């Protein structure tokens, strides 16, 4: 399952869809679910906080500027993933296979292309 926002930023409905994927509903919901994230507006919105409370998901918000220190995966996993993903995106941009909008702006790549990039990266 793929969850994304067309405008490429996180919003509350995307977060709720993501949490449904990460924490699927099960009979007698399991306790001990915690999400640690930064203070992005979507993360701290009333709708997301209410959803999390109803699902029994705890939230810990870290102070700005501390993400790379507190969330080790940003350095240990995401950095290498992004380092592997960036050349694939650049190759696609330079391939000449980019579709354009009526305003001559590039359209986002198709889902299957993005999924292939993720597998490779």
PDB file of N, CA and C in Angstrom:
ATOM      1  N   UNK A   1       0.845  -1.177   0.000  1.00  0.00           N
ATOM      2  CA  UNK A   1       0.000   0.000   0.000  1.00  0.00           C
ATOM      3  C   UNK A   1       0.890   1.240   0.000  1.00  0.00           C
ATOM      4  N   UNK A   2       0.519   2.208  -0.787  1.00  0.00           N
ATOM      5  CA  UNK A   2       1.270   3.453  -0.897  1.00  0.00           C
ATOM      6  C   UNK A   2       0.388   4.581  -0.394  1.00  0.00           C
ATOM      7  N   UNK A   3       0.965   5.440   0.443  1.00  0.00           N
ATOM      8  CA  UNK A   3       0.249   6.610   0.941  1.00  0.00           C
ATOM      9  C   UNK A   3       1.105   7.825   0.627  1.00  0.00           C
ATOM     10  N   UNK A   4       0.538   8.808  -0.029  1.00  0.00           N
ATOM     11  CA  UNK A   4       1.284  10.010  -0.343  1.00  0.00           C
ATOM     12  C   UNK A   4       0.347  11.186  -0.507  1.00  0.00           C
ATOM     13  N   UNK A   5       0.926  12.366  -0.486  1.00  0.00           N
ATOM     14  CA  UNK A   5       0.188  13.615  -0.654  1.00  0.00           C
ATOM     15  C   UNK A   5       0.650  14.217  -1.970  1.00  0.00           C
ATOM     16  N   UNK A   6      -0.279  14.563  -2.841  1.00  0.00           N
ATOM     17  CA  UNK A   6       0.068  15.092  -4.162  1.00  0.00           C
ATOM     18  C   UNK A   6       0.954  16.329  -4.109  1.00  0.00           C
ATOM     19  N   UNK A   7       0.818  17.134  -3.071  1.00  0.00           N
ATOM     20  CA  UNK A   7       1.605  18.359  -2.989  1.00  0.00           C
ATOM     21  C   UNK A   7       2.956  18.139  -2.308  1.00  0.00           C
ATOM     22  N   UNK A   8       3.254  16.889  -1.940  1.00  0.00           N
ATOM     23  CA  UNK A   8       4.568  16.471  -1.429  1.00  0.00           C
ATOM     24  C   UNK A   8       4.886  16.946  -0.027  1.00  0.00           C
ATOM     25  N   UNK A   9       3.891  17.307   0.759  1.00  0.00           N
ATOM     26  CA  UNK A   9       4.162  17.597   2.154  1.00  0.00           C
ATOM     27  C   UNK A   9       3.173  16.836   3.027  1.00  0.00           C
ATOM     28  N   UNK A  10       3.517  16.718   4.290  1.00  0.00           N
ATOM     29  CA  UNK A  10       2.693  15.940   5.217  1.00  0.00           C
ATOM     30  C   UNK A  10       1.498  16.766   5.666  1.00  0.00           C
ATOM     31  N   UNK A  11       0.325  16.127   5.664  1.00  0.00           N
ATOM     32  CA  UNK A  11      -0.863  16.763   6.237  1.00  0.00           C
ATOM     33  C   UNK A  11      -1.524  15.766   7.187  1.00  0.00           C
ATOM     34  N   UNK A  12      -2.529  16.211   7.906  1.00  0.00           N
ATOM     35  CA  UNK A  12      -3.118  15.354   8.937  1.00  0.00           C
ATOM     36  C   UNK A  12      -3.781  14.110   8.369  1.00  0.00           C
ATOM     37  N   UNK A  13      -4.436  14.195   7.221  1.00  0.00           N
ATOM     38  CA  UNK A  13      -5.087  12.998   6.663  1.00  0.00           C
ATOM     39  C   UNK A  13      -4.047  11.972   6.213  1.00  0.00           C
ATOM     40  N   UNK A  14      -2.909  12.430   5.702  1.00  0.00           N
ATOM     41  CA  UNK A  14      -1.832  11.516   5.328  1.00  0.00           C
ATOM     42  C   UNK A  14      -1.276  10.815   6.568  1.00  0.00           C
ATOM     43  N   UNK A  15      -1.099  11.558   7.650  1.00  0.00           N
ATOM     44  CA  UNK A  15      -0.599  10.968   8.888  1.00  0.00           C
ATOM     45  C   UNK A  15      -1.552   9.911   9.428  1.00  0.00           C
ATOM     46  N   UNK A  16      -2.829  10.186   9.400  1.00  0.00           N
ATOM     47  CA  UNK A  16      -3.813   9.234   9.902  1.00  0.00           C
ATOM     48  C   UNK A  16      -3.801   7.973   9.036  1.00  0.00           C
ATOM     49  N   UNK A  17      -3.713   8.116   7.724  1.00  0.00           N
ATOM     50  CA  UNK A  17      -3.613   6.946   6.839  1.00  0.00           C
ATOM     51  C   UNK A  17      -2.348   6.151   7.138  1.00  0.00           C
ATOM     52  N   UNK A  18      -1.238   6.855   7.352  1.00  0.00           N
ATOM     53  CA  UNK A  18       0.026   6.196   7.668  1.00  0.00           C
ATOM     54  C   UNK A  18      -0.081   5.423   8.984  1.00  0.00           C
ATOM     55  N   UNK A  19      -0.694   6.035  10.003  1.00  0.00           N
ATOM     56  CA  UNK A  19      -0.830   5.350  11.289  1.00  0.00           C
ATOM     57  C   UNK A  19      -1.720   4.116  11.166  1.00  0.00           C
ATOM     58  N   UNK A  20      -2.738   4.169  10.324  1.00  0.00           N
ATOM     59  CA  UNK A  20      -3.572   2.986  10.103  1.00  0.00           C
ATOM     60  C   UNK A  20      -2.764   1.849   9.475  1.00  0.00           C
ATOM     61  N   UNK A  21      -1.778   2.188   8.635  1.00  0.00           N
ATOM     62  CA  UNK A  21      -0.915   1.166   8.040  1.00  0.00           C
ATOM     63  C   UNK A  21       0.073   0.619   9.064  1.00  0.00           C
ATOM     64  N   UNK A  22       0.693   1.520   9.817  1.00  0.00           N
ATOM     65  CA  UNK A  22       1.739   1.125  10.768  1.00  0.00           C
ATOM     66  C   UNK A  22       1.149   0.408  11.972  1.00  0.00           C
ATOM     67  N   UNK A  23       0.008   0.886  12.442  1.00  0.00           N
ATOM     68  CA  UNK A  23      -0.659   0.310  13.606  1.00  0.00           C
ATOM     69  C   UNK A  23      -2.039  -0.202  13.184  1.00  0.00           C
ATOM     70  N   UNK A  24      -2.085  -1.341  12.472  1.00  0.00           N
ATOM     71  CA  UNK A  24      -3.398  -1.829  12.019  1.00  0.00           C
ATOM     72  C   UNK A  24      -4.317  -2.113  13.199  1.00  0.00           C
ATOM     73  N   UNK A  25      -5.583  -1.939  12.972  1.00  0.00           N
ATOM     74  CA  UNK A  25      -6.574  -2.200  14.019  1.00  0.00           C
ATOM     75  C   UNK A  25      -6.661  -3.702  14.250  1.00  0.00           C
ATOM     76  N   UNK A  26      -6.567  -4.080  15.493  1.00  0.00           N
ATOM     77  CA  UNK A  26      -6.689  -5.483  15.868  1.00  0.00           C
ATOM     78  C   UNK A  26      -7.664  -5.590  17.027  1.00  0.00           C
ATOM     79  N   UNK A  27      -8.215  -6.775  17.194  1.00  0.00           N
ATOM     80  CA  UNK A  27      -9.135  -6.987  18.310  1.00  0.00           C
ATOM     81  C   UNK A  27      -8.366  -6.764  19.604  1.00  0.00           C
ATOM     82  N   UNK A  28      -8.934  -5.975  20.518  1.00  0.00           N
ATOM     83  CA  UNK A  28      -8.263  -5.691  21.785  1.00  0.00           C
ATOM     84  C   UNK A  28      -6.945  -4.954  21.566  1.00  0.00           C
ATOM     85  N   UNK A  29      -7.004  -3.837  20.865  1.00  0.00           N
ATOM     86  CA  UNK A  29      -5.817  -3.043  20.517  1.00  0.00           C
ATOM     87  C   UNK A  29      -4.653  -3.254  21.487  1.00  0.00           C
ATOM     88  N   UNK A  30      -3.488  -3.485  20.940  1.00  0.00           N
ATOM     89  CA  UNK A  30      -2.274  -3.705  21.722  1.00  0.00           C
ATOM     90  C   UNK A  30      -1.826  -2.385  22.339  1.00  0.00           C
ATOM     91  N   UNK A  31      -1.447  -2.422  23.590  1.00  0.00           N
ATOM     92  CA  UNK A  31      -0.944  -1.228  24.278  1.00  0.00           C
ATOM     93  C   UNK A  31       0.539  -1.041  23.970  1.00  0.00           C
ATOM     94  N   UNK A  32       1.046   0.140  24.246  1.00  0.00           N
ATOM     95  CA  UNK A  32       2.471   0.391  24.107  1.00  0.00           C
ATOM     96  C   UNK A  32       2.887   0.940  22.756  1.00  0.00           C
ATOM     97  N   UNK A  33       2.002   1.655  22.070  1.00  0.00           N
ATOM     98  CA  UNK A  33       2.342   2.249  20.779  1.00  0.00           C
ATOM     99  C   UNK A  33       2.792   3.690  21.014  1.00  0.00           C
ATOM    100  N   UNK A  34       3.931   4.048  20.454  1.00  0.00           N
ATOM    101  CA  UNK A  34       4.487   5.388  20.636  1.00  0.00           C
ATOM    102  C   UNK A  34       5.058   5.876  19.324  1.00  0.00           C
ATOM    103  N   UNK A  35       4.751   7.116  18.992  1.00  0.00           N
ATOM    104  CA  UNK A  35       5.326   7.772  17.825  1.00  0.00           C
ATOM    105  C   UNK A  35       6.124   8.967  18.328  1.00  0.00           C
ATOM    106  N   UNK A  36       7.377   9.057  17.871  1.00  0.00           N
ATOM    107  CA  UNK A  36       8.234  10.198  18.214  1.00  0.00           C
ATOM    108  C   UNK A  36       8.446  10.989  16.930  1.00  0.00           C
ATOM    109  N   UNK A  37       8.067  12.272  16.984  1.00  0.00           N
ATOM    110  CA  UNK A  37       8.279  13.107  15.813  1.00  0.00           C
ATOM    111  C   UNK A  37       8.493  14.556  16.193  1.00  0.00           C
ATOM    112  N   UNK A  38       8.770  15.362  15.174  1.00  0.00           N
ATOM    113  CA  UNK A  38       9.047  16.772  15.423  1.00  0.00           C
ATOM    114  C   UNK A  38       7.742  17.559  15.502  1.00  0.00           C
ATOM    115  N   UNK A  39       7.861  18.868  15.615  1.00  0.00           N
ATOM    116  CA  UNK A  39       6.680  19.697  15.852  1.00  0.00           C
ATOM    117  C   UNK A  39       6.033  20.215  14.564  1.00  0.00           C
ATOM    118  N   UNK A  40       6.142  19.473  13.491  1.00  0.00           N
ATOM    119  CA  UNK A  40       5.445  19.809  12.248  1.00  0.00           C
ATOM    120  C   UNK A  40       3.963  20.033  12.576  1.00  0.00           C
ATOM    121  N   UNK A  41       3.359  21.024  11.976  1.00  0.00           N
ATOM    122  CA  UNK A  41       1.963  21.360  12.292  1.00  0.00           C
ATOM    123  C   UNK A  41       1.021  20.173  12.165  1.00  0.00           C
ATOM    124  N   UNK A  42       1.223  19.338  11.150  1.00  0.00           N
ATOM    125  CA  UNK A  42       0.350  18.173  10.983  1.00  0.00           C
ATOM    126  C   UNK A  42       0.507  17.201  12.147  1.00  0.00           C
ATOM    127  N   UNK A  43       1.733  17.052  12.653  1.00  0.00           N
ATOM    128  CA  UNK A  43       1.980  16.133  13.766  1.00  0.00           C
ATOM    129  C   UNK A  43       1.244  16.544  15.035  1.00  0.00           C
ATOM    130  N   UNK A  44       1.094  17.842  15.236  1.00  0.00           N
ATOM    131  CA  UNK A  44       0.521  18.331  16.491  1.00  0.00           C
ATOM    132  C   UNK A  44      -0.895  18.889  16.315  1.00  0.00           C
ATOM    133  N   UNK A  45      -1.499  18.606  15.163  1.00  0.00           N
ATOM    134  CA  UNK A  45      -2.869  19.100  14.926  1.00  0.00           C
ATOM    135  C   UNK A  45      -3.849  18.415  15.871  1.00  0.00           C
ATOM    136  N   UNK A  46      -4.929  19.093  16.181  1.00  0.00           N
ATOM    137  CA  UNK A  46      -5.946  18.537  17.073  1.00  0.00           C
ATOM    138  C   UNK A  46      -6.547  17.248  16.518  1.00  0.00           C
ATOM    139  N   UNK A  47      -6.758  17.188  15.194  1.00  0.00           N
ATOM    140  CA  UNK A  47      -7.323  15.980  14.592  1.00  0.00           C
ATOM    141  C   UNK A  47      -6.407  14.780  14.788  1.00  0.00           C
ATOM    142  N   UNK A  48      -5.108  14.966  14.574  1.00  0.00           N
ATOM    143  CA  UNK A  48      -4.146  13.870  14.730  1.00  0.00           C
ATOM    144  C   UNK A  48      -4.041  13.471  16.197  1.00  0.00           C
ATOM    145  N   UNK A  49      -3.977  14.463  17.087  1.00  0.00           N
ATOM    146  CA  UNK A  49      -3.894  14.140  18.523  1.00  0.00           C
ATOM    147  C   UNK A  49      -5.141  13.380  18.982  1.00  0.00           C
ATOM    148  N   UNK A  50      -6.304  13.780  18.515  1.00  0.00           N
ATOM    149  CA  UNK A  50      -7.545  13.110  18.878  1.00  0.00           C
ATOM    150  C   UNK A  50      -7.573  11.678  18.334  1.00  0.00           C
ATOM    151  N   UNK A  51      -7.171  11.514  17.079  1.00  0.00           N
ATOM    152  CA  UNK A  51      -7.110  10.195  16.470  1.00  0.00           C
ATOM    153  C   UNK A  51      -6.187   9.280  17.274  1.00  0.00           C
ATOM    154  N   UNK A  52      -5.010   9.794  17.620  1.00  0.00           N
ATOM    155  CA  UNK A  52      -4.035   8.999  18.365  1.00  0.00           C
ATOM    156  C   UNK A  52      -4.585   8.612  19.737  1.00  0.00           C
ATOM    157  N   UNK A  53      -5.246   9.546  20.379  1.00  0.00           N
ATOM    158  CA  UNK A  53      -5.812   9.257  21.698  1.00  0.00           C
ATOM    159  C   UNK A  53      -6.854   8.142  21.599  1.00  0.00           C
ATOM    160  N   UNK A  54      -7.729   8.238  20.597  1.00  0.00           N
ATOM    161  CA  UNK A  54      -8.755   7.213  20.402  1.00  0.00           C
ATOM    162  C   UNK A  54      -8.166   5.843  20.085  1.00  0.00           C
ATOM    163  N   UNK A  55      -7.000   5.823  19.433  1.00  0.00           N
ATOM    164  CA  UNK A  55      -6.348   4.563  19.075  1.00  0.00           C
ATOM    165  C   UNK A  55      -5.375   4.077  20.143  1.00  0.00           C
ATOM    166  N   UNK A  56      -5.169   4.878  21.192  1.00  0.00           N
ATOM    167  CA  UNK A  56      -4.230   4.475  22.234  1.00  0.00           C
ATOM    168  C   UNK A  56      -2.783   4.578  21.802  1.00  0.00           C
ATOM    169  N   UNK A  57      -2.495   5.516  20.909  1.00  0.00           N
ATOM    170  CA  UNK A  57      -1.130   5.740  20.426  1.00  0.00           C
ATOM    171  C   UNK A  57      -0.581   6.968  21.131  1.00  0.00           C
ATOM    172  N   UNK A  58       0.530   6.795  21.825  1.00  0.00           N
ATOM    173  CA  UNK A  58       1.157   7.914  22.513  1.00  0.00           C
ATOM    174  C   UNK A  58       2.028   8.698  21.544  1.00  0.00           C
ATOM    175  N   UNK A  59       2.252   9.963  21.868  1.00  0.00           N
ATOM    176  CA  UNK A  59       3.041  10.838  21.017  1.00  0.00           C
ATOM    177  C   UNK A  59       4.094  11.550  21.847  1.00  0.00           C
ATOM    178  N   UNK A  60       5.302  11.618  21.321  1.00  0.00           N
ATOM    179  CA  UNK A  60       6.376  12.392  21.952  1.00  0.00           C
ATOM    180  C   UNK A  60       6.902  13.360  20.903  1.00  0.00           C
ATOM    181  N   UNK A  61       6.897  14.630  21.226  1.00  0.00           N
ATOM    182  CA  UNK A  61       7.343  15.671  20.303  1.00  0.00           C
ATOM    183  C   UNK A  61       8.722  16.146  20.744  1.00  0.00           C
ATOM    184  N   UNK A  62       9.675  16.134  19.828  1.00  0.00           N
ATOM    185  CA  UNK A  62      11.024  16.595  20.157  1.00  0.00           C
ATOM    186  C   UNK A  62      11.179  18.052  19.752  1.00  0.00           C
ATOM    187  N   UNK A  63      12.060  18.735  20.421  1.00  0.00           N
ATOM    188  CA  UNK A  63      12.303  20.155  20.142  1.00  0.00           C
ATOM    189  C   UNK A  63      12.956  20.339  18.781  1.00  0.00           C
ATOM    190  N   UNK A  64      12.684  21.474  18.173  1.00  0.00           N
ATOM    191  CA  UNK A  64      13.274  21.794  16.878  1.00  0.00           C
ATOM    192  C   UNK A  64      14.795  21.737  16.911  1.00  0.00           C
ATOM    193  N   UNK A  65      15.384  21.253  15.812  1.00  0.00           N
ATOM    194  CA  UNK A  65      16.829  21.164  15.695  1.00  0.00           C
ATOM    195  C   UNK A  65      17.437  19.911  16.294  1.00  0.00           C
ATOM    196  N   UNK A  66      16.628  19.080  16.948  1.00  0.00           N
ATOM    197  CA  UNK A  66      17.161  17.884  17.607  1.00  0.00           C
ATOM    198  C   UNK A  66      16.892  16.590  16.846  1.00  0.00           C
ATOM    199  N   UNK A  67      16.186  16.658  15.748  1.00  0.00           N
ATOM    200  CA  UNK A  67      15.794  15.446  15.041  1.00  0.00           C
ATOM    201  C   UNK A  67      16.989  14.544  14.752  1.00  0.00           C
ATOM    202  N   UNK A  68      18.056  15.097  14.211  1.00  0.00           N
ATOM    203  CA  UNK A  68      19.200  14.247  13.841  1.00  0.00           C
ATOM    204  C   UNK A  68      19.884  13.632  15.043  1.00  0.00           C
ATOM    205  N   UNK A  69      19.699  14.208  16.228  1.00  0.00           N
ATOM    206  CA  UNK A  69      20.322  13.654  17.434  1.00  0.00           C
ATOM    207  C   UNK A  69      19.424  12.625  18.112  1.00  0.00           C
ATOM    208  N   UNK A  70      18.124  12.867  18.089  1.00  0.00           N
ATOM    209  CA  UNK A  70      17.194  12.006  18.812  1.00  0.00           C
ATOM    210  C   UNK A  70      16.683  10.866  17.934  1.00  0.00           C
ATOM    211  N   UNK A  71      16.502  11.110  16.673  1.00  0.00           N
ATOM    212  CA  UNK A  71      15.998  10.085  15.775  1.00  0.00           C
ATOM    213  C   UNK A  71      17.160   9.526  14.959  1.00  0.00           C
ATOM    214  N   UNK A  72      17.796   8.522  15.510  1.00  0.00           N
ATOM    215  CA  UNK A  72      18.983   7.942  14.894  1.00  0.00           C
ATOM    216  C   UNK A  72      18.728   7.448  13.477  1.00  0.00           C
ATOM    217  N   UNK A  73      17.494   7.048  13.188  1.00  0.00           N
ATOM    218  CA  UNK A  73      17.228   6.542  11.839  1.00  0.00           C
ATOM    219  C   UNK A  73      17.403   7.628  10.782  1.00  0.00           C
ATOM    220  N   UNK A  74      17.276   8.911  11.173  1.00  0.00           N
ATOM    221  CA  UNK A  74      17.500   9.979  10.202  1.00  0.00           C
ATOM    222  C   UNK A  74      18.931   9.939   9.678  1.00  0.00           C
ATOM    223  N   UNK A  75      19.865   9.550  10.523  1.00  0.00           N
ATOM    224  CA  UNK A  75      21.268   9.463  10.120  1.00  0.00           C
ATOM    225  C   UNK A  75      21.585   8.054   9.630  1.00  0.00           C
ATOM    226  N   UNK A  76      21.174   7.052  10.395  1.00  0.00           N
ATOM    227  CA  UNK A  76      21.569   5.680  10.121  1.00  0.00           C
ATOM    228  C   UNK A  76      20.861   5.030   8.953  1.00  0.00           C
ATOM    229  N   UNK A  77      19.620   5.393   8.692  1.00  0.00           N
ATOM    230  CA  UNK A  77      18.857   4.745   7.622  1.00  0.00           C
ATOM    231  C   UNK A  77      18.476   5.741   6.539  1.00  0.00           C
ATOM    232  N   UNK A  78      17.801   6.810   6.921  1.00  0.00           N
ATOM    233  CA  UNK A  78      17.278   7.727   5.917  1.00  0.00           C
ATOM    234  C   UNK A  78      18.379   8.411   5.111  1.00  0.00           C
ATOM    235  N   UNK A  79      19.491   8.744   5.740  1.00  0.00           N
ATOM    236  CA  UNK A  79      20.559   9.414   5.004  1.00  0.00           C
ATOM    237  C   UNK A  79      21.076   8.521   3.891  1.00  0.00           C
ATOM    238  N   UNK A  80      21.387   7.268   4.207  1.00  0.00           N
ATOM    239  CA  UNK A  80      21.899   6.375   3.157  1.00  0.00           C
ATOM    240  C   UNK A  80      20.812   6.100   2.109  1.00  0.00           C
ATOM    241  N   UNK A  81      19.554   5.999   2.555  1.00  0.00           N
ATOM    242  CA  UNK A  81      18.451   5.808   1.615  1.00  0.00           C
ATOM    243  C   UNK A  81      18.364   7.003   0.663  1.00  0.00           C
ATOM    244  N   UNK A  82      18.402   8.205   1.221  1.00  0.00           N
ATOM    245  CA  UNK A  82      18.330   9.415   0.391  1.00  0.00           C
ATOM    246  C   UNK A  82      19.542   9.527  -0.525  1.00  0.00           C
ATOM    247  N   UNK A  83      20.720   9.141  -0.013  1.00  0.00           N
ATOM    248  CA  UNK A  83      21.930   9.167  -0.841  1.00  0.00           C
ATOM    249  C   UNK A  83      21.809   8.214  -2.036  1.00  0.00           C
ATOM    250  N   UNK A  84      21.143   7.076  -1.833  1.00  0.00           N
ATOM    251  CA  UNK A  84      20.937   6.118  -2.923  1.00  0.00           C
ATOM    252  C   UNK A  84      19.797   6.533  -3.846  1.00  0.00           C
ATOM    253  N   UNK A  85      18.816   7.231  -3.297  1.00  0.00           N
ATOM    254  CA  UNK A  85      17.648   7.638  -4.068  1.00  0.00           C
ATOM    255  C   UNK A  85      17.934   8.853  -4.965  1.00  0.00           C
ATOM    256  N   UNK A  86      18.722   9.786  -4.478  1.00  0.00           N
ATOM    257  CA  UNK A  86      18.969  11.036  -5.215  1.00  0.00           C
ATOM    258  C   UNK A  86      19.488  10.822  -6.637  1.00  0.00           C
ATOM    259  N   UNK A  87      20.473   9.935  -6.854  1.00  0.00           N
ATOM    260  CA  UNK A  87      20.932   9.742  -8.249  1.00  0.00           C
ATOM    261  C   UNK A  87      19.848   9.156  -9.159  1.00  0.00           C
ATOM    262  N   UNK A  88      18.984   8.322  -8.600  1.00  0.00           N
ATOM    263  CA  UNK A  88      17.892   7.755  -9.407  1.00  0.00           C
ATOM    264  C   UNK A  88      16.941   8.848  -9.865  1.00  0.00           C
ATOM    265  N   UNK A  89      16.640   9.774  -8.963  1.00  0.00           N
ATOM    266  CA  UNK A  89      15.760  10.898  -9.310  1.00  0.00           C
ATOM    267  C   UNK A  89      16.436  11.791 -10.347  1.00  0.00           C
ATOM    268  N   UNK A  90      17.716  12.068 -10.148  1.00  0.00           N
ATOM    269  CA  UNK A  90      18.453  12.915 -11.103  1.00  0.00           C
ATOM    270  C   UNK A  90      18.491  12.272 -12.488  1.00  0.00           C
ATOM    271  N   UNK A  91      18.730  10.946 -12.530  1.00  0.00           N
ATOM    272  CA  UNK A  91      18.729  10.244 -13.819  1.00  0.00           C
ATOM    273  C   UNK A  91      17.376  10.377 -14.506  1.00  0.00           C
ATOM    274  N   UNK A  92      16.290  10.236 -13.726  1.00  0.00           N
ATOM    275  CA  UNK A  92      14.946  10.369 -14.284  1.00  0.00           C
ATOM    276  C   UNK A  92      14.730  11.784 -14.817  1.00  0.00           C
ATOM    277  N   UNK A  93      15.160  12.786 -14.040  1.00  0.00           N
ATOM    278  CA  UNK A  93      14.991  14.180 -14.468  1.00  0.00           C
ATOM    279  C   UNK A  93      15.713  14.447 -15.787  1.00  0.00           C
ATOM    280  N   UNK A  94      16.868  13.815 -15.966  1.00  0.00           N
ATOM    281  CA  UNK A  94      17.684  14.054 -17.157  1.00  0.00           C
ATOM    282  C   UNK A  94      17.388  13.091 -18.298  1.00  0.00           C
ATOM    283  N   UNK A  95      16.431  12.176 -18.107  1.00  0.00           N
ATOM    284  CA  UNK A  95      16.164  11.131 -19.093  1.00  0.00           C
ATOM    285  C   UNK A  95      15.368  11.598 -20.307  1.00  0.00           C
ATOM    286  N   UNK A  96      14.659  12.674 -20.170  1.00  0.00           N
ATOM    287  CA  UNK A  96      13.795  13.116 -21.259  1.00  0.00           C
ATOM    288  C   UNK A  96      12.438  12.426 -21.249  1.00  0.00           C
ATOM    289  N   UNK A  97      12.178  11.578 -20.248  1.00  0.00           N
ATOM    290  CA  UNK A  97      10.907  10.854 -20.149  1.00  0.00           C
ATOM    291  C   UNK A  97       9.924  11.527 -19.200  1.00  0.00           C
ATOM    292  N   UNK A  98      10.107  12.786 -18.957  1.00  0.00           N
ATOM    293  CA  UNK A  98       9.259  13.508 -18.014  1.00  0.00           C
ATOM    294  C   UNK A  98       8.055  14.076 -18.755  1.00  0.00           C
ATOM    295  N   UNK A  99       6.867  13.807 -18.222  1.00  0.00           N
ATOM    296  CA  UNK A  99       5.657  14.402 -18.774  1.00  0.00           C
ATOM    297  C   UNK A  99       5.500  15.802 -18.198  1.00  0.00           C
ATOM    298  N   UNK A 100       4.954  16.702 -19.020  1.00  0.00           N
ATOM    299  CA  UNK A 100       4.774  18.081 -18.579  1.00  0.00           C
ATOM    300  C   UNK A 100       3.292  18.423 -18.454  1.00  0.00           C
ATOM    301  N   UNK A 101       3.008  19.367 -17.574  1.00  0.00           N
ATOM    302  CA  UNK A 101       1.646  19.876 -17.427  1.00  0.00           C
ATOM    303  C   UNK A 101       1.379  20.875 -18.548  1.00  0.00           C
ATOM    304  N   UNK A 102       0.149  21.376 -18.602  1.00  0.00           N
ATOM    305  CA  UNK A 102      -0.177  22.402 -19.601  1.00  0.00           C
ATOM    306  C   UNK A 102       0.692  23.636 -19.432  1.00  0.00           C
ATOM    307  N   UNK A 103       1.094  23.900 -18.190  1.00  0.00           N
ATOM    308  CA  UNK A 103       1.945  25.052 -17.913  1.00  0.00           C
ATOM    309  C   UNK A 103       3.428  24.765 -18.093  1.00  0.00           C
ATOM    310  N   UNK A 104       3.744  23.613 -18.702  1.00  0.00           N
ATOM    311  CA  UNK A 104       5.133  23.206 -18.979  1.00  0.00           C
ATOM    312  C   UNK A 104       5.942  22.877 -17.727  1.00  0.00           C
ATOM    313  N   UNK A 105       5.258  22.548 -16.636  1.00  0.00           N
ATOM    314  CA  UNK A 105       5.947  22.104 -15.428  1.00  0.00           C
ATOM    315  C   UNK A 105       6.006  20.585 -15.419  1.00  0.00           C
ATOM    316  N   UNK A 106       7.058  20.003 -14.814  1.00  0.00           N
ATOM    317  CA  UNK A 106       7.140  18.536 -14.783  1.00  0.00           C
ATOM    318  C   UNK A 106       6.041  17.920 -13.928  1.00  0.00           C
ATOM    319  N   UNK A 107       5.435  16.825 -14.429  1.00  0.00           N
ATOM    320  CA  UNK A 107       4.485  16.058 -13.640  1.00  0.00           C
ATOM    321  C   UNK A 107       5.279  15.110 -12.745  1.00  0.00           C
ATOM    322  N   UNK A 108       4.737  14.765 -11.585  1.00  0.00           N
ATOM    323  CA  UNK A 108       5.434  13.792 -10.736  1.00  0.00           C
ATOM    324  C   UNK A 108       5.560  12.455 -11.463  1.00  0.00           C
ATOM    325  N   UNK A 109       6.579  11.678 -11.128  1.00  0.00           N
ATOM    326  CA  UNK A 109       6.716  10.359 -11.765  1.00  0.00           C
ATOM    327  C   UNK A 109       5.568   9.441 -11.361  1.00  0.00           C
ATOM    328  N   UNK A 110       5.321   8.436 -12.157  1.00  0.00           N
ATOM    329  CA  UNK A 110       4.256   7.472 -11.876  1.00  0.00           C
ATOM    330  C   UNK A 110       4.639   6.610 -10.666  1.00  0.00           C
ATOM    331  N   UNK A 111       3.612   6.079  -9.991  1.00  0.00           N
ATOM    332  CA  UNK A 111       3.824   5.297  -8.766  1.00  0.00           C
ATOM    333  C   UNK A 111       4.772   4.123  -8.977  1.00  0.00           C
ATOM    334  N   UNK A 112       4.660   3.426 -10.114  1.00  0.00           N
ATOM    335  CA  UNK A 112       5.519   2.259 -10.338  1.00  0.00           C
ATOM    336  C   UNK A 112       6.986   2.665 -10.442  1.00  0.00           C
ATOM    337  N   UNK A 113       7.258   3.833 -10.987  1.00  0.00           N
ATOM    338  CA  UNK A 113       8.632   4.328 -11.074  1.00  0.00           C
ATOM    339  C   UNK A 113       9.161   4.611  -9.670  1.00  0.00           C
ATOM    340  N   UNK A 114       8.361   5.281  -8.861  1.00  0.00           N
ATOM    341  CA  UNK A 114       8.769   5.592  -7.489  1.00  0.00           C
ATOM    342  C   UNK A 114       8.999   4.315  -6.693  1.00  0.00           C
ATOM    343  N   UNK A 115       8.113   3.340  -6.834  1.00  0.00           N
ATOM    344  CA  UNK A 115       8.274   2.059  -6.131  1.00  0.00           C
ATOM    345  C   UNK A 115       9.563   1.366  -6.548  1.00  0.00           C
ATOM    346  N   UNK A 116       9.898   1.420  -7.843  1.00  0.00           N
ATOM    347  CA  UNK A 116      11.162   0.839  -8.308  1.00  0.00           C
ATOM    348  C   UNK A 116      12.347   1.555  -7.659  1.00  0.00           C
ATOM    349  N   UNK A 117      12.279   2.893  -7.573  1.00  0.00           N
ATOM    350  CA  UNK A 117      13.360   3.645  -6.933  1.00  0.00           C
ATOM    351  C   UNK A 117      13.546   3.202  -5.487  1.00  0.00           C
ATOM    352  N   UNK A 118      12.440   3.056  -4.783  1.00  0.00           N
ATOM    353  CA  UNK A 118      12.503   2.668  -3.355  1.00  0.00           C
ATOM    354  C   UNK A 118      13.128   1.284  -3.237  1.00  0.00           C
ATOM    355  N   UNK A 119      12.735   0.352  -4.101  1.00  0.00           N
ATOM    356  CA  UNK A 119      13.327  -0.995  -4.056  1.00  0.00           C
ATOM    357  C   UNK A 119      14.832  -0.945  -4.286  1.00  0.00           C
ATOM    358  N   UNK A 120      15.246  -0.168  -5.269  1.00  0.00           N
ATOM    359  CA  UNK A 120      16.677  -0.071  -5.599  1.00  0.00           C
ATOM    360  C   UNK A 120      17.444   0.618  -4.484  1.00  0.00           C
ATOM    361  N   UNK A 121      16.896   1.725  -3.985  1.00  0.00           N
ATOM    362  CA  UNK A 121      17.594   2.500  -2.946  1.00  0.00           C
ATOM    363  C   UNK A 121      17.696   1.715  -1.658  1.00  0.00           C
TER     364      UNK A 121
END
